N, C-alpha and C. Protein backbone atom coordinates (compact mmCIF):
# COMPACT_ATOMS: atom_id res chain seq x y z
N MET A 1 0.59 -1.43 0.09
CA MET A 1 -0.31 0.13 0.21
C MET A 1 0.92 1.32 -0.20
N PHE A 2 1.91 1.12 1.01
CA PHE A 2 2.46 2.38 0.58
C PHE A 2 3.40 2.73 -0.71
N SER A 3 3.69 1.91 -1.46
CA SER A 3 4.18 1.93 -2.71
C SER A 3 3.44 2.35 -3.57
N GLY A 4 1.95 1.97 -3.22
CA GLY A 4 0.96 2.46 -4.26
C GLY A 4 0.77 4.32 -4.21
N TYR A 5 0.84 3.97 -2.72
CA TYR A 5 0.52 5.87 -2.28
C TYR A 5 1.60 6.52 -2.90
N GLY A 6 2.80 5.76 -2.72
CA GLY A 6 4.18 7.06 -2.91
C GLY A 6 4.03 7.00 -4.65
N SER A 7 3.41 6.23 -5.52
CA SER A 7 3.74 6.08 -7.14
C SER A 7 2.29 7.34 -7.60
N VAL A 8 1.37 7.26 -6.61
CA VAL A 8 -0.40 8.46 -6.85
C VAL A 8 0.90 9.75 -6.55
N ILE A 9 1.31 10.05 -5.61
CA ILE A 9 2.21 11.08 -5.06
C ILE A 9 3.05 11.45 -6.12
N THR A 10 3.96 10.76 -6.63
CA THR A 10 4.96 11.03 -7.75
C THR A 10 4.11 11.35 -8.97
N ALA A 11 2.84 10.47 -9.48
CA ALA A 11 2.31 11.12 -10.56
C ALA A 11 1.72 12.46 -10.63
N PHE A 12 1.21 12.71 -9.39
CA PHE A 12 0.78 14.27 -9.02
C PHE A 12 1.60 15.02 -9.14
N LEU A 13 2.65 14.96 -8.44
CA LEU A 13 3.58 15.76 -8.68
C LEU A 13 4.03 16.08 -9.80
N PHE A 14 4.47 15.08 -10.71
CA PHE A 14 4.78 15.28 -12.09
C PHE A 14 3.82 16.13 -12.77
N LEU A 15 2.55 15.88 -12.58
CA LEU A 15 1.31 16.67 -13.36
C LEU A 15 1.91 17.90 -13.01
N LEU A 16 1.77 18.54 -11.61
CA LEU A 16 1.84 19.49 -11.09
C LEU A 16 2.99 20.65 -11.71
N LYS A 17 4.24 19.56 -11.26
CA LYS A 17 5.22 20.61 -12.11
C LYS A 17 4.99 20.40 -13.42
N ALA A 18 4.51 19.84 -14.57
CA ALA A 18 4.18 20.23 -15.62
C ALA A 18 3.71 21.41 -15.68
N VAL A 19 2.31 21.32 -15.03
CA VAL A 19 1.29 22.62 -15.04
C VAL A 19 2.15 23.77 -14.82
N CYS A 20 2.64 23.93 -13.58
CA CYS A 20 3.11 25.05 -12.98
C CYS A 20 4.53 25.53 -13.84
N GLY A 21 5.12 24.45 -14.27
CA GLY A 21 6.31 25.11 -15.06
C GLY A 21 5.87 25.41 -16.45
N PHE A 22 5.31 25.03 -16.89
CA PHE A 22 4.46 25.76 -18.53
C PHE A 22 3.90 27.08 -18.20
N PHE A 23 2.84 27.33 -16.85
CA PHE A 23 2.74 28.85 -16.71
C PHE A 23 3.49 29.33 -16.39
N SER A 24 4.15 29.21 -15.40
CA SER A 24 5.35 29.91 -14.74
C SER A 24 6.10 30.48 -15.88
N MET A 25 6.67 29.69 -17.24
CA MET A 25 7.43 29.86 -18.38
C MET A 25 6.53 30.99 -19.15
N LEU A 26 5.19 31.23 -18.88
CA LEU A 26 4.41 31.80 -20.12
C LEU A 26 4.53 33.33 -19.48
N PHE A 27 4.44 33.13 -17.76
CA PHE A 27 4.58 34.45 -17.36
C PHE A 27 5.77 35.05 -17.63
N ILE A 28 6.45 34.16 -17.47
CA ILE A 28 8.09 34.76 -17.92
C ILE A 28 8.30 35.28 -19.14
N LEU A 29 7.81 34.62 -20.11
CA LEU A 29 7.99 35.31 -21.53
C LEU A 29 6.76 36.49 -21.53
N ARG A 30 6.06 36.69 -20.93
CA ARG A 30 4.96 37.55 -20.96
C ARG A 30 5.70 39.05 -20.49
N LEU A 31 6.54 38.75 -19.50
CA LEU A 31 7.54 39.44 -18.90
C LEU A 31 8.44 40.10 -19.54
N TRP A 32 9.23 39.13 -20.22
CA TRP A 32 10.53 38.97 -21.41
C TRP A 32 9.90 40.27 -22.80
N LEU A 33 8.78 39.70 -23.22
CA LEU A 33 8.04 40.41 -24.35
C LEU A 33 7.67 41.48 -24.30
N GLN A 34 7.18 42.18 -22.78
CA GLN A 34 7.07 43.50 -22.75
C GLN A 34 8.51 44.26 -22.34
N TRP A 35 9.64 43.75 -21.59
CA TRP A 35 11.01 44.39 -21.49
C TRP A 35 11.52 44.62 -22.86
N ARG A 36 11.21 43.63 -23.63
CA ARG A 36 12.38 43.76 -25.04
C ARG A 36 11.20 44.84 -25.60
N ARG A 37 9.96 45.00 -25.34
CA ARG A 37 8.98 45.77 -26.26
C ARG A 37 8.90 45.31 -27.61
N ILE A 38 8.82 44.13 -27.50
CA ILE A 38 8.20 43.13 -28.61
C ILE A 38 6.06 43.23 -28.62
N SER A 39 5.89 43.56 -29.97
CA SER A 39 4.22 43.48 -29.70
C SER A 39 3.57 42.19 -29.68
N PHE A 40 2.65 42.31 -29.22
CA PHE A 40 1.51 41.36 -28.82
C PHE A 40 1.03 40.83 -29.59
N ALA A 41 0.84 41.58 -31.06
CA ALA A 41 0.26 41.40 -32.31
C ALA A 41 0.98 39.90 -32.78
N HIS A 42 1.63 39.93 -32.77
CA HIS A 42 2.59 38.31 -33.29
C HIS A 42 1.91 37.13 -32.69
N PRO A 43 1.32 36.09 -32.97
CA PRO A 43 0.47 34.98 -32.79
C PRO A 43 1.39 34.42 -31.23
N LEU A 44 2.59 34.23 -31.32
CA LEU A 44 2.92 33.74 -29.78
C LEU A 44 2.64 35.10 -28.19
N GLY A 45 2.37 36.24 -29.49
CA GLY A 45 2.35 37.43 -28.23
C GLY A 45 0.71 36.96 -27.75
N GLY A 46 -0.10 37.04 -28.40
CA GLY A 46 -1.50 36.77 -28.38
C GLY A 46 -1.59 35.50 -27.62
N PHE A 47 -1.03 34.38 -27.62
CA PHE A 47 -0.82 33.11 -27.33
C PHE A 47 -0.64 33.35 -25.79
N VAL A 48 0.32 34.01 -25.52
CA VAL A 48 0.76 34.09 -24.18
C VAL A 48 -0.47 35.08 -23.63
N LEU A 49 -0.66 36.73 -23.87
CA LEU A 49 -1.56 36.91 -23.29
C LEU A 49 -3.06 36.58 -23.11
N LYS A 50 -3.50 35.46 -23.91
CA LYS A 50 -4.74 34.70 -23.65
C LYS A 50 -4.79 33.68 -22.52
N LEU A 51 -3.19 33.46 -22.32
CA LEU A 51 -3.18 32.25 -20.97
C LEU A 51 -2.57 32.67 -19.89
N THR A 52 -2.13 34.10 -19.74
CA THR A 52 -1.87 34.37 -18.87
C THR A 52 -2.89 35.91 -18.11
N ASN A 53 -3.27 36.23 -18.72
CA ASN A 53 -4.44 37.50 -18.43
C ASN A 53 -5.02 37.11 -17.15
N TRP A 54 -5.56 36.27 -16.89
CA TRP A 54 -6.42 35.30 -16.06
C TRP A 54 -5.62 35.74 -14.66
N ALA A 55 -4.15 36.08 -14.66
CA ALA A 55 -3.77 36.01 -13.10
C ALA A 55 -3.13 37.35 -13.23
N VAL A 56 -2.40 37.81 -14.36
CA VAL A 56 -1.79 39.14 -14.26
C VAL A 56 -2.60 40.37 -14.61
N LEU A 57 -3.93 40.35 -14.80
CA LEU A 57 -4.61 41.43 -14.96
C LEU A 57 -5.06 41.83 -13.45
N PRO A 58 -5.47 40.80 -12.91
CA PRO A 58 -5.97 41.33 -11.20
C PRO A 58 -4.86 41.56 -10.60
N LEU A 59 -3.60 41.03 -10.68
CA LEU A 59 -2.34 41.51 -9.74
C LEU A 59 -1.94 42.66 -10.19
N ARG A 60 -2.29 43.35 -11.42
CA ARG A 60 -1.73 44.71 -11.69
C ARG A 60 -2.53 45.68 -11.11
N ARG A 61 -3.86 45.58 -10.70
CA ARG A 61 -4.17 46.16 -9.71
C ARG A 61 -3.47 46.61 -8.49
N VAL A 62 -2.80 45.62 -8.21
CA VAL A 62 -2.09 45.31 -6.42
C VAL A 62 -0.30 45.82 -7.04
N ILE A 63 -0.26 45.26 -8.06
CA ILE A 63 1.36 45.61 -8.18
C ILE A 63 1.80 46.32 -9.62
N PRO A 64 1.48 47.40 -9.98
CA PRO A 64 1.99 48.04 -11.02
C PRO A 64 3.22 47.87 -11.66
N GLY A 65 3.64 47.70 -13.11
CA GLY A 65 4.81 47.80 -13.58
C GLY A 65 5.59 49.06 -13.85
N THR A 66 6.77 48.35 -13.34
CA THR A 66 7.82 49.94 -12.97
C THR A 66 8.87 49.92 -14.01
N GLY A 67 9.48 50.75 -14.40
CA GLY A 67 11.13 50.42 -15.07
C GLY A 67 10.80 49.48 -16.44
N GLY A 68 9.50 49.71 -16.99
CA GLY A 68 9.77 48.78 -18.09
C GLY A 68 9.25 47.22 -17.70
N ILE A 69 9.48 46.97 -16.63
CA ILE A 69 9.34 45.69 -16.17
C ILE A 69 7.81 45.16 -15.26
N ASP A 70 7.10 44.39 -15.89
CA ASP A 70 5.62 43.82 -15.55
C ASP A 70 5.99 42.85 -14.28
N TRP A 71 5.80 43.76 -13.24
CA TRP A 71 5.88 42.89 -12.08
C TRP A 71 4.64 42.07 -11.31
N ALA A 72 4.04 42.28 -12.16
CA ALA A 72 2.79 40.92 -11.90
C ALA A 72 3.22 39.88 -12.40
N SER A 73 3.53 39.97 -13.85
CA SER A 73 3.72 38.86 -14.40
C SER A 73 5.05 37.66 -13.79
N LEU A 74 5.55 38.80 -13.05
CA LEU A 74 7.00 37.76 -12.00
C LEU A 74 6.33 37.44 -10.81
N VAL A 75 5.58 38.17 -10.34
CA VAL A 75 4.97 38.13 -8.83
C VAL A 75 3.82 36.79 -9.33
N ALA A 76 3.28 36.47 -10.46
CA ALA A 76 2.50 35.34 -10.60
C ALA A 76 3.29 33.90 -10.73
N ALA A 77 4.43 34.28 -11.64
CA ALA A 77 5.40 33.41 -11.87
C ALA A 77 6.00 32.76 -10.34
N PHE A 78 6.20 33.32 -9.63
CA PHE A 78 7.12 32.78 -8.46
C PHE A 78 6.08 32.25 -7.29
N PHE A 79 4.66 33.16 -7.52
CA PHE A 79 3.66 32.39 -6.78
C PHE A 79 3.48 31.20 -7.23
N LEU A 80 3.54 30.46 -8.25
CA LEU A 80 2.93 29.29 -9.27
C LEU A 80 4.13 28.36 -8.76
N GLN A 81 5.43 28.81 -8.29
CA GLN A 81 6.73 28.23 -7.87
C GLN A 81 6.19 28.05 -6.41
N LEU A 82 5.93 28.67 -5.90
CA LEU A 82 5.89 28.90 -4.41
C LEU A 82 4.70 27.76 -3.85
N VAL A 83 3.50 27.47 -4.71
CA VAL A 83 2.60 26.64 -4.78
C VAL A 83 2.93 25.58 -4.88
N PHE A 84 3.95 25.17 -5.88
CA PHE A 84 4.18 23.72 -6.36
C PHE A 84 5.29 23.20 -5.25
N PHE A 85 5.99 24.21 -4.87
CA PHE A 85 7.33 23.89 -3.40
C PHE A 85 6.33 23.43 -2.11
N SER A 86 5.13 24.14 -2.17
CA SER A 86 4.65 24.00 -0.74
C SER A 86 4.00 22.63 -0.92
N ILE A 87 3.02 22.46 -1.99
CA ILE A 87 2.46 21.03 -2.01
C ILE A 87 3.59 19.99 -2.15
N SER A 88 4.59 20.00 -2.80
CA SER A 88 5.47 18.88 -3.18
C SER A 88 6.30 18.33 -1.78
N LEU A 89 6.79 19.64 -1.28
CA LEU A 89 7.24 19.46 0.24
C LEU A 89 6.26 19.05 1.35
N SER A 90 5.08 19.34 1.14
CA SER A 90 4.03 18.85 2.29
C SER A 90 3.79 17.13 1.72
N LEU A 91 3.69 16.73 0.48
CA LEU A 91 3.35 15.34 0.21
C LEU A 91 4.97 14.82 0.28
N PHE A 92 5.89 14.96 -0.06
CA PHE A 92 6.92 14.72 0.04
C PHE A 92 7.36 14.15 1.90
N THR A 93 6.95 14.54 2.60
CA THR A 93 7.19 14.37 3.82
C THR A 93 6.45 13.51 4.41
N THR A 94 5.51 13.11 3.98
CA THR A 94 4.11 12.41 4.12
C THR A 94 4.41 10.59 3.60
N VAL A 95 5.40 10.60 2.81
CA VAL A 95 5.90 9.69 1.68
C VAL A 95 7.23 8.72 2.80
N MET A 96 7.97 9.86 2.86
CA MET A 96 8.95 9.65 3.40
C MET A 96 9.23 10.42 4.18
N PRO A 97 10.18 10.35 5.42
CA PRO A 97 11.04 10.94 6.35
C PRO A 97 11.79 12.19 5.76
N PHE A 98 11.88 13.50 6.28
CA PHE A 98 12.55 14.72 5.75
C PHE A 98 13.80 14.44 5.48
N PRO A 99 14.71 14.49 5.19
CA PRO A 99 16.38 14.42 5.58
C PRO A 99 16.77 15.03 6.50
N GLN A 100 17.88 14.55 7.56
CA GLN A 100 17.76 15.39 8.69
C GLN A 100 18.63 16.22 8.44
N LEU A 101 19.52 16.51 7.17
CA LEU A 101 20.64 17.89 7.06
C LEU A 101 19.08 18.56 6.38
N MET A 102 18.52 18.44 6.10
CA MET A 102 17.14 19.39 5.62
C MET A 102 16.59 20.01 6.80
N GLN A 103 16.23 19.25 7.76
CA GLN A 103 15.42 19.47 8.65
C GLN A 103 16.38 20.57 9.68
N GLU A 104 17.71 20.62 9.80
CA GLU A 104 18.41 21.17 10.68
C GLU A 104 18.66 22.87 9.78
N ALA A 105 18.55 22.67 8.56
CA ALA A 105 19.05 24.01 7.51
C ALA A 105 17.69 24.68 7.89
N ILE A 106 16.35 24.03 7.51
CA ILE A 106 15.33 25.13 7.79
C ILE A 106 15.12 25.38 9.12
N ALA A 107 15.74 24.40 10.17
CA ALA A 107 15.63 25.10 11.35
C ALA A 107 16.24 26.27 11.93
N ALA A 108 17.73 26.32 11.23
CA ALA A 108 18.56 27.29 11.41
C ALA A 108 18.30 28.49 10.77
N LYS A 109 17.59 28.43 9.52
CA LYS A 109 17.39 29.67 8.66
C LYS A 109 15.87 30.39 9.04
N GLY A 110 15.53 29.94 10.10
CA GLY A 110 14.20 30.58 10.29
C GLY A 110 12.87 29.85 10.01
N GLY A 111 12.87 28.48 9.69
CA GLY A 111 11.52 27.98 9.65
C GLY A 111 11.19 27.50 7.67
N TRP A 112 10.47 27.30 8.05
CA TRP A 112 9.73 26.39 6.57
C TRP A 112 9.34 27.57 5.80
N THR A 113 8.90 28.62 6.12
CA THR A 113 8.73 29.85 5.05
C THR A 113 10.07 30.46 4.61
N PHE A 114 10.80 30.24 5.53
CA PHE A 114 12.09 30.94 4.74
C PHE A 114 12.66 30.10 3.40
N ALA A 115 12.52 28.73 3.82
CA ALA A 115 12.94 27.36 3.11
C ALA A 115 12.25 27.29 2.01
N LEU A 116 10.85 27.75 2.25
CA LEU A 116 9.98 27.45 0.75
C LEU A 116 10.17 28.69 -0.24
N ILE A 117 10.36 29.87 0.76
CA ILE A 117 10.56 31.40 -0.14
C ILE A 117 12.15 31.02 -1.26
N VAL A 118 13.10 30.55 -0.33
CA VAL A 118 14.33 30.30 -1.59
C VAL A 118 14.18 29.49 -2.25
N ILE A 119 13.54 28.21 -1.87
CA ILE A 119 13.42 27.15 -3.10
C ILE A 119 12.52 27.63 -4.23
N SER A 120 11.49 28.55 -4.04
CA SER A 120 10.63 28.77 -4.64
C SER A 120 11.41 30.04 -5.73
N LEU A 121 12.76 30.77 -5.02
CA LEU A 121 13.07 31.75 -6.00
C LEU A 121 14.15 31.11 -6.59
N VAL A 122 14.87 29.98 -6.32
CA VAL A 122 15.85 29.00 -7.05
C VAL A 122 14.83 28.58 -7.94
N GLY A 123 13.64 27.83 -8.08
CA GLY A 123 12.61 27.01 -9.08
C GLY A 123 12.37 28.24 -10.23
N LEU A 124 12.29 29.62 -9.43
CA LEU A 124 12.04 30.84 -10.80
C LEU A 124 13.25 31.15 -11.48
N PHE A 125 14.23 30.89 -11.02
CA PHE A 125 15.66 31.52 -11.61
C PHE A 125 15.80 30.59 -12.67
N GLN A 126 15.55 28.95 -12.38
CA GLN A 126 15.70 27.74 -13.17
C GLN A 126 14.76 27.71 -14.40
N GLN A 127 13.27 28.40 -13.97
CA GLN A 127 12.36 28.75 -15.37
C GLN A 127 12.92 29.73 -16.24
N ILE A 128 13.32 30.62 -15.60
CA ILE A 128 14.01 31.80 -16.26
C ILE A 128 14.93 31.29 -17.51
N ILE A 129 16.37 30.14 -16.62
CA ILE A 129 17.20 30.04 -17.33
C ILE A 129 16.63 28.75 -18.81
N TYR A 130 15.96 27.81 -18.17
CA TYR A 130 14.93 27.03 -19.23
C TYR A 130 14.35 27.75 -20.47
N LEU A 131 13.83 28.42 -20.17
CA LEU A 131 13.13 29.47 -21.16
C LEU A 131 14.15 30.21 -22.14
N LEU A 132 15.12 30.69 -21.49
CA LEU A 132 16.45 31.10 -22.59
C LEU A 132 17.22 30.28 -23.43
N ILE A 133 17.17 29.10 -22.46
CA ILE A 133 18.14 27.84 -23.15
C ILE A 133 16.71 27.21 -24.40
N LEU A 134 15.69 27.15 -23.88
CA LEU A 134 14.89 26.72 -25.43
C LEU A 134 14.69 28.04 -26.28
N ALA A 135 14.57 29.29 -25.99
CA ALA A 135 14.47 30.21 -27.06
C ALA A 135 15.48 30.40 -28.13
N LEU A 136 17.20 29.81 -27.59
CA LEU A 136 18.02 29.73 -28.23
C LEU A 136 18.06 28.67 -28.78
N ILE A 137 17.94 27.44 -29.05
CA ILE A 137 17.66 26.48 -29.34
C ILE A 137 16.84 26.35 -30.63
N LEU A 138 15.63 27.16 -30.45
CA LEU A 138 14.61 27.11 -31.52
C LEU A 138 15.31 28.21 -32.59
N GLN A 139 15.99 29.27 -31.66
CA GLN A 139 16.24 30.22 -32.82
C GLN A 139 17.55 29.43 -33.63
N ALA A 140 18.54 28.57 -33.02
CA ALA A 140 19.50 28.24 -34.02
C ALA A 140 18.93 26.88 -34.80
N VAL A 141 17.80 26.51 -34.48
CA VAL A 141 17.43 25.47 -35.51
C VAL A 141 16.61 26.00 -36.70
N LEU A 142 15.60 27.55 -36.43
CA LEU A 142 15.35 27.72 -37.16
C LEU A 142 16.27 28.56 -38.33
N SER A 143 17.38 29.10 -37.87
CA SER A 143 18.02 29.68 -38.50
C SER A 143 18.66 28.57 -39.84
N TRP A 144 18.54 27.26 -39.58
CA TRP A 144 19.05 26.16 -40.28
C TRP A 144 18.19 25.71 -41.13
N VAL A 145 16.67 25.66 -40.82
CA VAL A 145 15.64 24.99 -41.12
C VAL A 145 14.88 25.70 -41.81
N ASN A 146 14.44 27.14 -41.29
CA ASN A 146 13.51 27.83 -41.65
C ASN A 146 14.02 29.44 -41.38
N PRO A 147 15.01 30.28 -42.08
CA PRO A 147 15.35 31.16 -41.56
C PRO A 147 14.17 32.26 -41.75
N TYR A 148 13.25 32.25 -42.73
CA TYR A 148 12.60 33.37 -43.02
C TYR A 148 11.36 33.21 -42.10
N SER A 149 11.09 32.44 -40.96
CA SER A 149 9.95 31.81 -40.52
C SER A 149 9.64 33.13 -39.74
N PRO A 150 7.83 33.28 -39.32
CA PRO A 150 7.94 34.47 -38.72
C PRO A 150 8.29 34.71 -37.07
N PHE A 151 8.66 33.41 -36.73
CA PHE A 151 8.89 33.51 -35.21
C PHE A 151 11.07 33.92 -35.44
N SER A 152 11.46 33.63 -36.16
CA SER A 152 13.09 33.90 -36.36
C SER A 152 13.30 35.26 -35.97
N PRO A 153 12.61 36.69 -36.39
CA PRO A 153 12.80 37.88 -36.20
C PRO A 153 12.49 38.06 -34.69
N LEU A 154 11.41 37.30 -33.98
CA LEU A 154 10.77 37.42 -32.59
C LEU A 154 11.93 36.56 -31.85
N LEU A 155 12.33 35.56 -32.16
CA LEU A 155 13.43 34.80 -31.19
C LEU A 155 14.89 35.99 -31.41
N ARG A 156 15.13 36.46 -32.59
CA ARG A 156 16.24 37.21 -32.23
C ARG A 156 16.24 38.38 -31.23
N GLN A 157 15.34 38.67 -31.46
CA GLN A 157 14.87 39.90 -30.48
C GLN A 157 14.86 39.99 -28.84
N LEU A 158 14.21 38.20 -28.95
CA LEU A 158 14.23 38.32 -27.48
C LEU A 158 15.92 37.61 -26.67
N THR A 159 16.55 37.07 -27.80
CA THR A 159 18.01 36.81 -27.18
C THR A 159 18.93 37.53 -27.32
N ALA A 160 18.39 38.37 -28.16
CA ALA A 160 19.57 39.77 -28.53
C ALA A 160 20.74 40.41 -27.15
N PRO A 161 19.96 40.64 -25.76
CA PRO A 161 20.81 40.96 -25.29
C PRO A 161 21.29 39.68 -24.65
N LEU A 162 21.15 38.60 -24.85
CA LEU A 162 22.31 37.38 -24.23
C LEU A 162 23.35 37.21 -24.84
N LEU A 163 23.06 37.27 -26.26
CA LEU A 163 24.28 37.02 -27.60
C LEU A 163 24.98 38.22 -28.06
N TYR A 164 24.61 39.35 -27.84
CA TYR A 164 25.65 40.14 -28.10
C TYR A 164 26.77 40.32 -27.39
N PRO A 165 27.06 40.35 -26.03
CA PRO A 165 27.80 40.57 -25.55
C PRO A 165 28.90 39.35 -25.87
N ILE A 166 28.12 38.10 -26.08
CA ILE A 166 29.22 36.82 -26.66
C ILE A 166 29.83 36.99 -27.92
N GLN A 167 29.02 37.75 -28.69
CA GLN A 167 29.49 37.79 -30.41
C GLN A 167 30.31 38.97 -30.18
N ARG A 168 30.56 39.68 -29.17
CA ARG A 168 31.58 40.86 -29.39
C ARG A 168 33.19 39.83 -28.95
N ILE A 169 33.00 39.14 -28.13
CA ILE A 169 34.12 38.37 -27.80
C ILE A 169 34.40 37.51 -29.02
N LEU A 170 33.16 36.77 -29.53
CA LEU A 170 33.90 35.24 -30.36
C LEU A 170 32.57 35.79 -31.27
N PRO A 171 33.62 36.72 -32.51
CA PRO A 171 32.87 36.87 -33.78
C PRO A 171 32.42 35.85 -34.56
N PRO A 172 31.51 35.76 -35.26
CA PRO A 172 31.46 34.53 -36.41
C PRO A 172 32.81 33.73 -37.03
N ILE A 173 32.95 32.34 -37.17
CA ILE A 173 34.07 32.01 -37.86
C ILE A 173 33.82 30.97 -38.98
N SER A 174 34.24 31.57 -40.39
CA SER A 174 33.77 31.27 -41.09
C SER A 174 32.30 31.16 -41.64
N GLY A 175 31.96 32.37 -41.15
CA GLY A 175 30.04 32.82 -41.15
C GLY A 175 29.14 31.80 -40.49
N ILE A 176 29.80 31.31 -39.29
CA ILE A 176 29.16 30.42 -38.55
C ILE A 176 29.20 31.06 -37.09
N ASP A 177 28.13 31.21 -36.51
CA ASP A 177 27.83 32.29 -35.12
C ASP A 177 27.66 31.03 -34.13
N LEU A 178 28.88 30.81 -33.29
CA LEU A 178 28.90 29.85 -32.25
C LEU A 178 28.35 30.86 -30.89
N SER A 179 27.76 31.69 -31.13
CA SER A 179 27.40 32.76 -29.91
C SER A 179 26.02 31.95 -29.32
N PRO A 180 25.08 31.23 -30.02
CA PRO A 180 24.01 30.31 -29.02
C PRO A 180 24.95 29.06 -28.53
N LEU A 181 25.85 28.67 -28.97
CA LEU A 181 26.35 27.24 -28.00
C LEU A 181 26.87 27.76 -27.09
N VAL A 182 27.71 28.44 -26.91
CA VAL A 182 28.54 29.41 -25.70
C VAL A 182 27.36 30.11 -24.97
N ALA A 183 26.37 30.34 -25.42
CA ALA A 183 25.17 31.07 -24.25
C ALA A 183 24.52 29.61 -23.38
N ILE A 184 24.11 28.81 -24.13
CA ILE A 184 24.18 27.70 -23.63
C ILE A 184 24.74 26.77 -22.98
N LEU A 185 25.87 26.71 -23.28
CA LEU A 185 26.84 25.85 -22.13
C LEU A 185 26.94 26.84 -21.05
N LEU A 186 27.08 28.37 -21.00
CA LEU A 186 27.04 28.93 -19.94
C LEU A 186 26.01 28.91 -18.79
N LEU A 187 24.74 28.88 -19.50
CA LEU A 187 23.45 28.74 -19.20
C LEU A 187 23.37 27.13 -18.29
N GLN A 188 23.72 26.30 -18.95
CA GLN A 188 23.84 24.86 -18.58
C GLN A 188 24.47 24.96 -17.02
N ALA A 189 25.62 25.40 -17.24
CA ALA A 189 26.82 25.48 -16.20
C ALA A 189 25.88 26.52 -15.02
N LEU A 190 25.26 27.53 -15.37
CA LEU A 190 24.29 28.34 -14.04
C LEU A 190 23.44 27.61 -13.36
N LEU A 191 22.57 26.62 -13.80
CA LEU A 191 21.77 25.55 -13.80
C LEU A 191 22.71 24.87 -12.85
N MET A 192 23.68 24.19 -13.25
CA MET A 192 24.31 22.94 -12.14
C MET A 192 24.73 24.10 -11.04
N LEU A 193 24.66 25.50 -10.86
CA LEU A 193 25.29 25.88 -9.55
C LEU A 193 23.80 25.88 -8.95
N LEU A 194 22.97 25.97 -9.62
CA LEU A 194 21.16 26.08 -8.93
C LEU A 194 21.24 24.98 -8.57
């Protein structure tokens, strides 16, 4: 019975992580599109707006955007990470005892609230990095397969702040731009640190 209960919890957490991760990435993408001043008239922009308005519009009444940053989208993405980690940690402790080292760390730093906030922030940074890697991979694939795709200019605008500094140090070699590969490797290394 224990293993069956654990399997149900594992399956539930898998689905919860997928849903929370998907919507977190949409909220981050909305923030990213607004920060880069990319029109939401693009099909991707319309898709993001329709799937995120339910949370962002009510939050904007309380959390206004400043400095070109849509804080409501960022808060919504963080809240989803907080929900996922709160549920997963509470279910994890019902399946197996919490590791002693983690219990001591939580007790030393001020309790569960502090631990959940830190874990959720790390989860949010991971989602941002995953989204950057995905955009870089899509941009590289489209540049080889279909450089005239309507998504190509959008992806170039989104990834430009990350790629330009690398391109200054590492210009194209025989017409091949290696900056997306370098950026992906650096982002992977950052993920390992998180």
